[in-house]
Amino acid sequence: MSDRVILAYSGGLDTSVAIPYLAERTGAEVIAVAVDVGQGGEDMDAIRQRALDCGAVEAELVDARDEFAEEFCIPALRANALYQDRYPLVSALSRPLIARHLVRAARLHGGTIVSHGCTGKGNDQVRFEVGIASLAPDLKVIAPARDYAWTRDRAIAYAESKNLPIDVTRTSPYSVDQNLWGRAVETGFLEDIWNAPVEDIYAYTADPAAERDADELVITFDAGVPVAIDGETVTPYQAIRELNRRAGAQGVGRIDMVEDRLVGIKSREVYEAPGAIALITAHQELENVTVERDLARFKRSVDQRWGELVYDGLWFSPLKKALDAFIADAQHHVSGEIRLSLHGGRATVTGRRSEASLYDFGLATYDEGDLFDQSLAQGFVELWGLPSKLAAARDTRLK
C-alpha cells in the first residue's frame, strides 16, 4: 500500500485543491477528514462528496459537536479563558480537537503524513503541528500553503486546470473561521485598523444598537458546568447553542481587537462569541460568590496562563494538564444559579444564589442584624499595617 496523507478538510478552495496537489507532490493517497465543531454552513455530506470528487480515496466525517462542547469549550469556561482579557479562544479551542482526530485517522487508515491548509503567518499552523507532535511524533506534517508558497491565485488556476468541482469565482473580502464557541473575521479592509467594522461582517450577532426588549434568563451551574437554562436541563452543547441564539439576538459578544499573535506580529481580529461571553460572564460571577478569596486571586493568574497556553498551541502540554487539575479542584463549589439580562450588546448579572455561597448577609449588612464585630477591626488594622509602618520608620531613620 502506498503512503497516505491525512488532510484536515474544510471543503473550501484551498483544501480542495490540496487533495490532487498533495497526491501529485508526494505520490501518496489522500484521505480527507472533515470535523464538525458546530460551524454550521454547508451540509457535511456535500463536503464529503466534494472531497471524493477532488480525488480523495476516502473522506471521513466526524460529528464532534458534543465532544467539542464538553472537552474543549467547558474547560475554557471553567478557566474563564479570555486571551488578552478579551478573546475567548474561538479558533484556538478547535485546533487540538481536529489534531486529535487527524492522528486517530492516521492510525486507522495507515497514514504517515498529516496535512493542513494553514499559512506560515498565523497561529493555527502551530496549534495543529504541536498538537500532532504531542500525540504522534512519528507523523510528518505538510502545509501546502506554507511549504510550497501556495497562493490563492495559484490555487484558482490549479483548480481550473484540473476541472475541480468547486466554485473558484466566489470570493470573500474576509477570512472567516467559526465554530460553536464563536466566529473570527479578519483580512480585507479590516487590516486597516482605523476602519470600523461594517454590519455585514457579522453572522452570529444582531445589531446591538437596535431597539428591542431585554431578554432575562437563569443559568444553573454544577461544579462550573452549565446544566440548565430557565430550569430546563441542557447538555454543554445545548447550553452554548441556546446562549448563542439568545445572546446573539441581543448583540452580545462582539469584539474588535488588535491581538498579539504567537508568530510575533500584531493582527486585527473581529470576533463574535455571544454564548461564550454570556456564559463566562455568568461563571465569573458565580465564582465571586462561591470561591474563597485567596483561591480566587490565585485562580485568576492560572486562568490567564491557561488561556495563553491554549492560544499558543500547547493544549497537550504538561503545564496545561497540571493547570487543568487545579481548575477542576477549584470548581468543586461553583454550583448555583445566575440571572442574566441580555440587552444592548451586554450580558449583565442581575442575581446570584448558591447553596455553596460564601456571602453572609449577617456579616455584610450595615442595617439591623449586623453580626460583624467592628471592635476587632482596630487591632486587625494595626497588625496588618505593622510591616509597612516598621519599614517606613526604618527609611525615615536612615535618610
Protein backbone atom coordinates (compact mmCIF):
# COMPACT_ATOMS: atom_id res chain seq x y z
CA MET A 1 0.00 0.00 0.00
CA SER A 2 1.27 3.48 -0.90
CA ASP A 3 1.80 6.23 1.63
CA ARG A 4 -1.30 8.02 2.80
CA VAL A 5 -1.81 11.68 3.62
CA ILE A 6 -4.49 12.60 6.18
CA LEU A 7 -5.81 16.04 5.22
CA ALA A 8 -7.75 18.35 7.52
CA TYR A 9 -10.51 19.17 5.06
CA SER A 10 -12.86 22.17 5.25
CA GLY A 11 -14.46 21.92 1.82
CA GLY A 12 -13.13 25.27 0.62
CA LEU A 13 -10.84 26.14 -2.26
CA ASP A 14 -7.50 25.69 -0.52
CA THR A 15 -8.10 22.26 1.00
CA SER A 16 -9.95 21.02 -2.10
CA VAL A 17 -7.01 21.96 -4.32
CA ALA A 18 -4.68 20.34 -1.80
CA ILE A 19 -6.11 16.88 -2.49
CA PRO A 20 -4.80 16.40 -6.05
CA TYR A 21 -1.79 18.62 -5.41
CA LEU A 22 -0.64 16.53 -2.43
CA ALA A 23 -1.20 13.34 -4.41
CA GLU A 24 1.00 14.65 -7.22
CA ARG A 25 3.65 16.09 -4.95
CA THR A 26 4.01 13.14 -2.58
CA GLY A 27 2.76 10.21 -4.65
CA ALA A 28 0.54 9.31 -1.72
CA GLU A 29 -3.18 8.63 -1.44
CA VAL A 30 -5.12 11.42 0.25
CA ILE A 31 -7.77 10.81 2.91
CA ALA A 32 -9.87 13.86 3.77
CA VAL A 33 -11.11 14.32 7.32
CA ALA A 34 -13.85 16.92 7.91
CA VAL A 35 -14.65 17.66 11.55
CA ASP A 36 -17.96 19.22 12.57
CA VAL A 37 -17.30 21.52 15.55
CA GLY A 38 -20.61 23.32 15.24
CA GLN A 39 -19.51 25.67 12.47
CA GLY A 40 -22.78 25.36 10.56
CA GLY A 41 -22.89 26.47 6.95
CA GLU A 42 -22.62 23.88 4.19
CA ASP A 43 -24.03 20.37 4.54
CA MET A 44 -21.34 17.97 5.72
CA ASP A 45 -22.39 15.28 3.25
CA ALA A 46 -21.82 17.74 0.40
CA ILE A 47 -18.37 18.47 1.80
CA ARG A 48 -17.59 14.76 1.91
CA GLN A 49 -18.69 14.24 -1.68
CA ARG A 50 -16.61 17.20 -2.84
CA ALA A 51 -13.51 15.67 -1.25
CA LEU A 52 -14.12 12.43 -3.13
CA ASP A 53 -14.77 14.30 -6.37
CA CYS A 54 -11.48 16.15 -5.94
CA GLY A 55 -9.60 12.86 -5.75
CA ALA A 56 -9.58 11.72 -2.12
CA VAL A 57 -9.51 7.94 -1.85
CA GLU A 58 -11.60 8.21 1.30
CA ALA A 59 -13.44 11.05 3.04
CA GLU A 60 -14.37 10.85 6.69
CA LEU A 61 -16.93 13.00 8.51
CA VAL A 62 -16.60 13.43 12.26
CA ASP A 63 -19.51 14.80 14.27
CA ALA A 64 -17.52 16.31 17.13
CA ARG A 65 -20.05 18.89 18.32
CA ASP A 66 -20.71 17.35 21.72
CA GLU A 67 -17.05 16.42 22.13
CA PHE A 68 -16.02 19.98 21.34
CA ALA A 69 -18.53 21.43 23.80
CA GLU A 70 -17.74 19.06 26.66
CA GLU A 71 -13.99 18.58 26.35
CA PHE A 72 -12.84 21.94 24.99
CA CYS A 73 -15.44 24.70 25.49
CA ILE A 74 -16.35 23.71 29.06
CA PRO A 75 -12.70 23.66 30.23
CA ALA A 76 -12.32 27.12 28.68
CA LEU A 77 -15.43 28.29 30.52
CA ARG A 78 -14.22 26.93 33.86
CA ALA A 79 -10.93 28.77 33.23
CA ASN A 80 -12.75 31.99 32.26
CA ALA A 81 -10.37 31.87 29.31
CA LEU A 82 -10.04 35.26 27.59
CA TYR A 83 -6.76 35.83 25.77
CA GLN A 84 -5.57 39.39 26.43
CA ASP A 85 -8.65 39.64 28.68
CA ARG A 86 -10.95 39.74 25.64
CA TYR A 87 -10.70 36.87 23.13
CA PRO A 88 -12.47 33.62 24.17
CA LEU A 89 -10.13 31.36 22.16
CA VAL A 90 -12.60 30.53 19.38
CA SER A 91 -10.21 29.01 16.81
CA ALA A 92 -7.59 28.02 19.36
CA LEU A 93 -10.02 25.60 21.03
CA SER A 94 -10.98 23.71 17.89
CA ARG A 95 -7.46 23.03 16.61
CA PRO A 96 -6.34 20.49 19.23
CA LEU A 97 -9.61 18.60 18.76
CA ILE A 98 -9.07 18.47 14.99
CA ALA A 99 -5.44 17.45 15.55
CA ARG A 100 -6.63 14.60 17.74
CA HIS A 101 -8.96 13.34 15.02
CA LEU A 102 -6.26 13.65 12.36
CA VAL A 103 -3.97 11.46 14.45
CA ARG A 104 -6.78 8.99 15.07
CA ALA A 105 -7.50 8.84 11.32
CA ALA A 106 -3.80 8.38 10.57
CA ARG A 107 -3.67 5.36 12.87
CA LEU A 108 -6.91 3.94 11.46
CA HIS A 109 -6.01 4.35 7.79
CA GLY A 110 -2.27 3.77 7.94
CA GLY A 111 -1.38 7.39 7.28
CA THR A 112 2.22 8.57 7.55
CA ILE A 113 1.68 12.24 6.67
CA VAL A 114 -0.78 14.79 8.04
CA SER A 115 -1.64 17.96 6.13
CA HIS A 116 -3.46 21.21 6.87
CA GLY A 117 -4.26 24.40 4.97
CA CYS A 118 -2.62 26.97 7.26
CA THR A 119 -0.18 29.62 6.12
CA GLY A 120 3.15 30.41 7.76
CA LYS A 121 1.82 33.68 9.11
CA GLY A 122 -0.83 32.51 11.53
CA ASN A 123 -1.25 30.76 14.84
CA ASP A 124 -3.08 27.69 13.57
CA GLN A 125 -0.03 26.06 11.97
CA VAL A 126 1.49 25.92 15.46
CA ARG A 127 -1.67 24.64 17.09
CA PHE A 128 -2.06 21.83 14.57
CA GLU A 129 1.55 20.77 14.39
CA VAL A 130 2.44 20.99 18.08
CA GLY A 131 -0.74 19.10 18.87
CA ILE A 132 0.07 16.39 16.32
CA ALA A 133 3.67 16.16 17.55
CA SER A 134 2.44 15.77 21.12
CA LEU A 135 0.12 12.92 20.18
CA ALA A 136 2.09 11.23 17.39
CA PRO A 137 5.68 12.46 17.00
CA ASP A 138 6.31 9.94 14.22
CA LEU A 139 3.90 11.62 11.78
CA LYS A 140 5.23 14.02 9.15
CA VAL A 141 3.32 17.27 8.52
CA ILE A 142 2.94 19.09 5.19
CA ALA A 143 1.29 22.50 4.87
CA PRO A 144 0.96 23.29 1.13
CA ALA A 145 0.09 26.98 1.57
CA ARG A 146 3.22 27.43 3.66
CA ASP A 147 5.66 24.80 2.48
CA TYR A 148 5.03 25.25 -1.25
CA ALA A 149 4.23 29.01 -1.27
CA TRP A 150 0.71 28.23 -2.44
CA THR A 151 -1.17 31.50 -3.16
CA ARG A 152 -4.89 31.94 -3.83
CA ASP A 153 -4.24 32.84 -7.47
CA ARG A 154 -2.21 29.67 -7.94
CA ALA A 155 -4.92 27.64 -6.23
CA ILE A 156 -7.62 29.03 -8.54
CA ALA A 157 -5.51 28.39 -11.64
CA TYR A 158 -4.76 24.86 -10.49
CA ALA A 159 -8.44 24.15 -9.75
CA GLU A 160 -9.41 25.35 -13.21
CA SER A 161 -6.71 23.29 -14.89
CA LYS A 162 -7.93 20.16 -13.09
CA ASN A 163 -11.64 20.94 -13.55
CA LEU A 164 -12.20 20.50 -9.85
CA PRO A 165 -15.86 20.65 -8.76
CA ILE A 166 -15.52 23.81 -6.68
CA ASP A 167 -16.66 27.38 -7.20
CA VAL A 168 -13.43 29.31 -7.80
CA THR A 169 -15.26 32.52 -8.71
CA ARG A 170 -16.82 33.01 -5.32
CA THR A 171 -14.56 35.30 -3.34
CA SER A 172 -14.93 36.98 0.03
CA PRO A 173 -13.01 40.03 1.21
CA TYR A 174 -12.70 38.39 4.63
CA SER A 175 -11.17 35.28 6.13
CA VAL A 176 -13.71 33.61 8.41
CA ASP A 177 -13.35 30.76 10.89
CA GLN A 178 -16.29 29.71 13.02
CA ASN A 179 -17.42 27.02 15.39
CA LEU A 180 -19.82 26.51 18.29
CA TRP A 181 -17.80 28.78 20.62
CA GLY A 182 -17.70 31.75 18.23
CA ARG A 183 -16.71 33.29 14.94
CA ALA A 184 -13.49 35.02 13.81
CA VAL A 185 -13.28 37.50 10.92
CA GLU A 186 -10.09 39.06 9.55
CA THR A 187 -8.28 40.43 6.46
CA GLY A 188 -9.73 42.65 3.75
CA PHE A 189 -10.49 46.23 4.73
CA LEU A 190 -10.22 45.19 8.40
CA GLU A 191 -6.44 45.14 8.02
CA ASP A 192 -6.54 48.94 8.18
CA ILE A 193 -7.06 49.26 11.92
CA TRP A 194 -8.64 52.71 11.51
CA ASN A 195 -11.56 51.20 9.58
CA ALA A 196 -14.62 50.40 11.67
CA PRO A 197 -16.29 47.02 11.15
CA VAL A 198 -19.39 47.13 8.97
CA GLU A 199 -22.59 45.35 9.88
CA ASP A 200 -22.42 42.79 7.06
CA ILE A 201 -19.38 41.04 8.56
CA TYR A 202 -21.48 39.74 11.45
CA ALA A 203 -23.45 36.49 11.35
CA TYR A 204 -23.79 35.30 14.97
CA THR A 205 -24.97 38.62 16.42
CA ALA A 206 -27.69 41.17 15.68
CA ASP A 207 -27.04 44.90 15.78
CA PRO A 208 -26.69 45.72 19.49
CA ALA A 209 -27.99 49.27 18.90
CA ALA A 210 -31.38 48.11 17.55
CA GLU A 211 -34.35 48.74 19.82
CA ARG A 212 -35.67 45.59 21.49
CA ASP A 213 -36.77 44.33 24.88
CA ALA A 214 -34.20 42.81 27.18
CA ASP A 215 -34.01 39.02 27.50
CA GLU A 216 -33.65 37.70 31.04
CA LEU A 217 -32.65 34.13 31.80
CA VAL A 218 -31.33 31.99 34.64
CA ILE A 219 -28.33 29.68 34.13
CA THR A 220 -27.79 26.81 36.57
CA PHE A 221 -24.23 25.58 37.11
CA ASP A 222 -22.95 22.40 38.71
CA ALA A 223 -19.22 22.46 39.54
CA GLY A 224 -18.69 25.17 36.94
CA VAL A 225 -20.65 23.42 34.17
CA PRO A 226 -23.95 24.87 32.87
CA VAL A 227 -26.61 22.21 33.37
CA ALA A 228 -29.90 24.11 32.97
CA ILE A 229 -31.32 27.27 31.41
CA ASP A 230 -34.52 28.64 32.89
CA GLY A 231 -34.96 25.35 34.71
CA GLU A 232 -34.69 23.21 31.58
CA THR A 233 -31.88 20.64 31.68
CA VAL A 234 -29.28 21.10 28.93
CA THR A 235 -26.09 19.43 27.77
CA PRO A 236 -23.00 21.63 27.32
CA TYR A 237 -23.62 21.70 23.57
CA GLN A 238 -27.24 22.71 24.06
CA ALA A 239 -26.31 25.39 26.61
CA ILE A 240 -23.78 27.02 24.29
CA ARG A 241 -26.10 26.80 21.29
CA GLU A 242 -29.01 28.33 23.21
CA LEU A 243 -26.85 31.16 24.56
CA ASN A 244 -25.52 31.78 21.06
CA ARG A 245 -29.12 32.20 19.92
CA ARG A 246 -30.42 34.35 22.78
CA ALA A 247 -27.32 36.42 23.47
CA GLY A 248 -26.64 36.76 19.75
CA ALA A 249 -30.12 38.17 19.22
CA GLN A 250 -29.18 40.94 21.68
CA GLY A 251 -25.85 41.72 20.02
CA VAL A 252 -23.79 40.28 22.88
CA GLY A 253 -20.24 39.11 22.23
CA ARG A 254 -18.84 41.43 19.55
CA ILE A 255 -15.10 42.00 19.97
CA ASP A 256 -12.85 44.19 17.82
CA MET A 257 -9.21 43.98 18.90
CA VAL A 258 -5.59 44.07 17.87
CA GLU A 259 -4.04 40.95 19.34
CA ASP A 260 -0.53 39.62 19.77
CA ARG A 261 -0.10 36.59 17.53
CA LEU A 262 2.18 33.77 18.55
CA VAL A 263 4.35 34.33 15.46
CA GLY A 264 5.30 37.79 16.72
CA ILE A 265 3.07 40.16 14.75
CA LYS A 266 0.04 42.14 15.81
CA SER A 267 -3.18 41.30 14.00
CA ARG A 268 -6.58 42.98 13.86
CA GLU A 269 -9.36 40.48 14.55
CA VAL A 270 -13.12 40.84 14.84
CA TYR A 271 -14.90 38.17 16.85
CA GLU A 272 -18.45 37.18 17.63
CA ALA A 273 -18.89 34.93 20.66
CA PRO A 274 -22.33 35.54 22.17
CA GLY A 275 -22.66 32.24 24.01
CA ALA A 276 -19.08 32.24 25.23
CA ILE A 277 -19.20 35.79 26.58
CA ALA A 278 -22.59 35.30 28.26
CA LEU A 279 -21.50 32.04 29.90
CA ILE A 280 -18.12 33.36 31.03
CA THR A 281 -19.81 36.44 32.50
CA ALA A 282 -22.20 34.25 34.48
CA HIS A 283 -19.49 31.79 35.54
CA GLN A 284 -17.15 34.52 36.77
CA GLU A 285 -19.89 35.96 38.96
CA LEU A 286 -20.76 32.58 40.44
CA GLU A 287 -17.09 32.13 41.30
CA ASN A 288 -17.17 35.52 43.02
CA VAL A 289 -19.92 34.14 45.28
CA THR A 290 -18.56 30.65 45.94
CA VAL A 291 -14.73 30.69 45.74
CA GLU A 292 -12.65 31.74 48.77
CA ARG A 293 -10.67 34.95 48.38
CA ASP A 294 -7.09 33.67 48.17
CA LEU A 295 -8.09 30.77 45.92
CA ALA A 296 -9.96 33.21 43.66
CA ARG A 297 -6.96 35.55 43.48
CA PHE A 298 -4.60 32.76 42.55
CA LYS A 299 -7.04 31.23 40.09
CA ARG A 300 -7.17 34.49 38.14
CA SER A 301 -3.46 34.13 37.38
CA VAL A 302 -3.97 30.46 36.50
CA ASP A 303 -6.84 31.38 34.18
CA GLN A 304 -4.67 33.89 32.35
CA ARG A 305 -1.82 31.40 31.91
CA TRP A 306 -4.25 28.67 30.83
CA GLY A 307 -5.60 30.94 28.10
CA GLU A 308 -2.10 31.82 26.92
CA LEU A 309 -1.10 28.16 26.71
CA VAL A 310 -4.17 27.28 24.65
CA TYR A 311 -3.73 30.30 22.38
CA ASP A 312 -0.10 29.31 21.87
CA GLY A 313 -0.99 25.78 20.77
CA LEU A 314 0.05 24.00 23.96
CA TRP A 315 -3.22 22.21 24.73
CA PHE A 316 -1.42 18.90 25.30
CA SER A 317 1.48 20.33 27.31
CA PRO A 318 2.38 19.15 30.83
CA LEU A 319 1.70 22.61 32.30
CA LYS A 320 -1.75 22.79 30.71
CA LYS A 321 -2.54 19.35 32.13
CA ALA A 322 -1.43 20.41 35.61
CA LEU A 323 -3.44 23.63 35.45
CA ASP A 324 -6.49 21.59 34.39
CA ALA A 325 -6.23 19.65 37.64
CA PHE A 326 -6.02 22.85 39.69
CA ILE A 327 -9.00 24.41 37.92
CA ALA A 328 -11.09 21.26 38.32
CA ASP A 329 -10.44 21.27 42.06
CA ALA A 330 -11.26 24.98 42.30
CA GLN A 331 -14.66 24.33 40.67
CA HIS A 332 -15.83 21.99 43.44
CA HIS A 333 -18.22 24.56 44.97
CA VAL A 334 -19.03 26.58 41.83
CA SER A 335 -22.66 25.49 41.78
CA GLY A 336 -25.78 27.62 41.82
CA GLU A 337 -27.84 29.97 39.69
CA ILE A 338 -27.03 33.22 37.93
CA ARG A 339 -29.67 35.51 36.48
CA LEU A 340 -28.53 37.35 33.34
CA SER A 341 -30.06 40.27 31.49
CA LEU A 342 -29.14 40.30 27.80
CA HIS A 343 -29.63 43.68 26.18
CA GLY A 344 -27.87 46.26 24.05
CA GLY A 345 -24.83 44.11 23.38
CA ARG A 346 -24.20 43.35 27.05
CA ALA A 347 -24.70 40.39 29.35
CA THR A 348 -25.35 41.79 32.84
CA VAL A 349 -25.64 39.73 36.00
CA THR A 350 -28.72 40.75 38.00
CA GLY A 351 -28.98 37.91 40.54
CA ARG A 352 -26.99 35.14 42.20
CA ARG A 353 -27.83 32.28 44.54
CA SER A 354 -25.98 29.20 45.67
CA GLU A 355 -26.07 26.65 48.48
CA ALA A 356 -22.26 26.98 48.46
CA SER A 357 -22.32 30.77 48.77
CA LEU A 358 -19.70 32.45 50.94
CA TYR A 359 -21.75 35.64 51.06
CA ASP A 360 -23.16 36.06 54.58
CA PHE A 361 -25.92 38.67 54.81
CA GLY A 362 -25.47 38.99 58.54
CA LEU A 363 -21.80 39.90 58.13
CA ALA A 364 -22.29 42.11 55.06
CA THR A 365 -25.27 44.23 56.14
CA TYR A 366 -24.94 47.71 57.64
CA ASP A 367 -28.50 47.59 58.97
CA GLU A 368 -30.11 45.88 61.96
CA GLY A 369 -28.94 42.31 62.39
CA ASP A 370 -25.29 43.15 61.68
CA LEU A 371 -23.21 40.30 63.12
CA PHE A 372 -19.81 41.76 62.26
CA ASP A 373 -17.86 42.66 65.43
CA GLN A 374 -16.35 46.01 64.45
CA SER A 375 -14.42 46.21 67.73
CA LEU A 376 -11.99 43.65 66.31
CA ALA A 377 -11.11 45.86 63.36
CA GLN A 378 -8.77 48.30 65.13
CA GLY A 379 -6.32 45.63 66.26
CA PHE A 380 -6.52 43.89 62.89
CA VAL A 381 -5.67 47.11 61.04
CA GLU A 382 -2.72 47.82 63.34
CA LEU A 383 -1.26 44.32 62.89
CA TRP A 384 -1.92 44.28 59.15
CA GLY A 385 -0.11 47.55 58.66
CA LEU A 386 2.73 46.84 61.08
CA PRO A 387 5.30 45.69 58.46
CA SER A 388 4.71 48.82 56.36
CA LYS A 389 4.86 51.00 59.47
CA LEU A 390 8.17 49.49 60.56
CA ALA A 391 9.63 49.84 57.05
CA ALA A 392 8.58 53.48 56.87
CA ALA A 393 10.16 54.19 60.26
CA ARG A 394 13.37 52.48 59.14
CA ASP A 395 13.50 54.52 55.93
CA THR A 396 12.95 57.75 57.87
CA ARG A 397 15.71 56.87 60.34
CA LEU A 398 18.26 56.09 57.62
CA LYS A 399 17.70 59.14 55.45
